Amino acid sequence: LKLAEEIMGMIGGDYSKFTFDQNRISADLSLELSRNIQLELGYVYWHQARNSGGFLDQHIFRTYLRHTLDFTKNKKKAEMPAF
């Protein structure tokens, strides 16, 4: 389980009155289906300031399927020697 929050702001330039830019809150659940395959399910709430005023709220659901390739034939041969 992963939880995260990001708060972003702007400083100076033409954006001096828009100091708050966006806030993203996310939660992800990672499931190991096998040794080389993981499934990750997640949700992101994205709250973003608009240049024209007001805010844009987005609810994003995401899915990742990750496959790890293993090119070693024998794990003993792939290990680094200890010094």
C-alpha atoms as a PDB file:
ATOM      1  CA  LEU A   1       0.000   0.000   0.000  1.00  0.00           C
ATOM      2  CA  LYS A   2       1.400   3.412  -0.981  1.00  0.00           C
ATOM      3  CA  LEU A   3       0.016   6.784   0.096  1.00  0.00           C
ATOM      4  CA  ALA A   4       1.334  10.122  -1.188  1.00  0.00           C
ATOM      5  CA  GLU A   5       0.524  13.816  -1.209  1.00  0.00           C
ATOM      6  CA  GLU A   6       2.149  16.476  -3.371  1.00  0.00           C
ATOM      7  CA  ILE A   7       1.575  20.209  -2.957  1.00  0.00           C
ATOM      8  CA  MET A   8       2.999  22.469  -5.672  1.00  0.00           C
ATOM      9  CA  GLY A   9       3.314  26.228  -5.792  1.00  0.00           C
ATOM     10  CA  MET A  10       4.736  28.966  -7.993  1.00  0.00           C
ATOM     11  CA  ILE A  11       6.993  31.814  -6.944  1.00  0.00           C
ATOM     12  CA  GLY A  12       7.623  35.114  -8.767  1.00  0.00           C
ATOM     13  CA  GLY A  13       7.246  36.004 -12.424  1.00  0.00           C
ATOM     14  CA  ASP A  14       3.793  36.483 -13.941  1.00  0.00           C
ATOM     15  CA  TYR A  15       2.375  33.998 -11.440  1.00  0.00           C
ATOM     16  CA  SER A  16       2.901  36.079  -8.283  1.00  0.00           C
ATOM     17  CA  LYS A  17      -0.833  36.106  -7.518  1.00  0.00           C
ATOM     18  CA  PHE A  18      -1.194  32.348  -8.186  1.00  0.00           C
ATOM     19  CA  THR A  19       1.081  30.960  -5.472  1.00  0.00           C
ATOM     20  CA  PHE A  20      -0.887  27.681  -5.139  1.00  0.00           C
ATOM     21  CA  ASP A  21      -0.649  25.546  -8.271  1.00  0.00           C
ATOM     22  CA  GLN A  22      -1.903  22.048  -7.493  1.00  0.00           C
ATOM     23  CA  ASN A  23      -2.343  19.336  -4.903  1.00  0.00           C
ATOM     24  CA  ARG A  24      -2.305  15.624  -5.714  1.00  0.00           C
ATOM     25  CA  ILE A  25      -3.286  12.921  -3.252  1.00  0.00           C
ATOM     26  CA  SER A  26      -2.818   9.301  -4.279  1.00  0.00           C
ATOM     27  CA  ALA A  27      -3.319   5.806  -2.933  1.00  0.00           C
ATOM     28  CA  ASP A  28      -1.962   2.678  -4.645  1.00  0.00           C
ATOM     29  CA  LEU A  29      -2.263  -1.003  -3.870  1.00  0.00           C
ATOM     30  CA  SER A  30       0.383  -3.330  -5.300  1.00  0.00           C
ATOM     31  CA  LEU A  31      -0.336  -7.037  -5.706  1.00  0.00           C
ATOM     32  CA  GLU A  32       2.330  -9.597  -6.572  1.00  0.00           C
ATOM     33  CA  LEU A  33       0.730 -12.085  -8.955  1.00  0.00           C
ATOM     34  CA  SER A  34       3.934 -14.075  -9.454  1.00  0.00           C
ATOM     35  CA  ARG A  35       7.667 -13.600  -8.931  1.00  0.00           C
ATOM     36  CA  ASN A  36       7.933 -11.509 -12.108  1.00  0.00           C
ATOM     37  CA  ILE A  37       4.460  -9.962 -12.454  1.00  0.00           C
ATOM     38  CA  GLN A  38       2.948  -7.244 -10.274  1.00  0.00           C
ATOM     39  CA  LEU A  39      -0.418  -5.505 -10.603  1.00  0.00           C
ATOM     40  CA  GLU A  40      -0.833  -2.015  -9.196  1.00  0.00           C
ATOM     41  CA  LEU A  41      -4.222  -0.345  -8.761  1.00  0.00           C
ATOM     42  CA  GLY A  42      -4.372   3.315  -7.850  1.00  0.00           C
ATOM     43  CA  TYR A  43      -6.453   6.428  -7.371  1.00  0.00           C
ATOM     44  CA  VAL A  44      -5.343  10.072  -7.669  1.00  0.00           C
ATOM     45  CA  TYR A  45      -7.309  13.139  -6.613  1.00  0.00           C
ATOM     46  CA  TRP A  46      -5.913  16.137  -8.511  1.00  0.00           C
ATOM     47  CA  HIS A  47      -6.894  19.661  -7.377  1.00  0.00           C
ATOM     48  CA  GLN A  48      -5.414  22.297  -9.701  1.00  0.00           C
ATOM     49  CA  ALA A  49      -5.729  26.097  -9.897  1.00  0.00           C
ATOM     50  CA  ARG A  50      -6.845  27.557 -13.234  1.00  0.00           C
ATOM     51  CA  ASN A  51      -5.314  30.712 -14.710  1.00  0.00           C
ATOM     52  CA  SER A  52      -8.818  32.035 -15.365  1.00  0.00           C
ATOM     53  CA  GLY A  53      -9.735  31.553 -11.694  1.00  0.00           C
ATOM     54  CA  GLY A  54     -11.307  28.693  -9.840  1.00  0.00           C
ATOM     55  CA  PHE A  55     -10.084  25.152  -9.608  1.00  0.00           C
ATOM     56  CA  LEU A  56     -10.109  21.978 -11.672  1.00  0.00           C
ATOM     57  CA  ASP A  57     -10.783  18.752  -9.751  1.00  0.00           C
ATOM     58  CA  GLN A  58      -9.981  15.409 -11.369  1.00  0.00           C
ATOM     59  CA  HIS A  59     -10.488  11.869 -10.112  1.00  0.00           C
ATOM     60  CA  ILE A  60      -8.064   9.500 -11.838  1.00  0.00           C
ATOM     61  CA  PHE A  61      -8.077   5.715 -11.568  1.00  0.00           C
ATOM     62  CA  ARG A  62      -4.977   3.969 -12.879  1.00  0.00           C
ATOM     63  CA  THR A  63      -3.779   0.419 -13.410  1.00  0.00           C
ATOM     64  CA  TYR A  64      -0.220  -0.781 -13.951  1.00  0.00           C
ATOM     65  CA  LEU A  65       0.859  -4.235 -14.996  1.00  0.00           C
ATOM     66  CA  ARG A  66       4.595  -4.649 -14.416  1.00  0.00           C
ATOM     67  CA  HIS A  67       6.617  -7.549 -15.762  1.00  0.00           C
ATOM     68  CA  THR A  68      10.228  -7.962 -14.651  1.00  0.00           C
ATOM     69  CA  LEU A  69      12.500  -9.699 -17.133  1.00  0.00           C
ATOM     70  CA  ASP A  70      15.168 -11.972 -15.676  1.00  0.00           C
ATOM     71  CA  PHE A  71      18.041 -12.634 -18.095  1.00  0.00           C
ATOM     72  CA  THR A  72      20.174 -14.658 -15.693  1.00  0.00           C
ATOM     73  CA  LYS A  73      20.109 -18.416 -16.225  1.00  0.00           C
ATOM     74  CA  ASN A  74      21.562 -19.285 -12.867  1.00  0.00           C
ATOM     75  CA  LYS A  75      21.297 -16.961  -9.870  1.00  0.00           C
ATOM     76  CA  LYS A  76      24.623 -18.244  -8.467  1.00  0.00           C
ATOM     77  CA  LYS A  77      26.500 -17.090 -11.572  1.00  0.00           C
ATOM     78  CA  ALA A  78      24.905 -13.641 -11.504  1.00  0.00           C
ATOM     79  CA  GLU A  79      25.996 -12.806  -7.962  1.00  0.00           C
ATOM     80  CA  MET A  80      28.899 -10.436  -7.519  1.00  0.00           C
ATOM     81  CA  PRO A  81      31.925 -11.803  -5.646  1.00  0.00           C
ATOM     82  CA  ALA A  82      32.442 -10.504  -2.102  1.00  0.00           C
ATOM     83  CA  PHE A  83      35.632  -8.539  -1.482  1.00  0.00           C
END
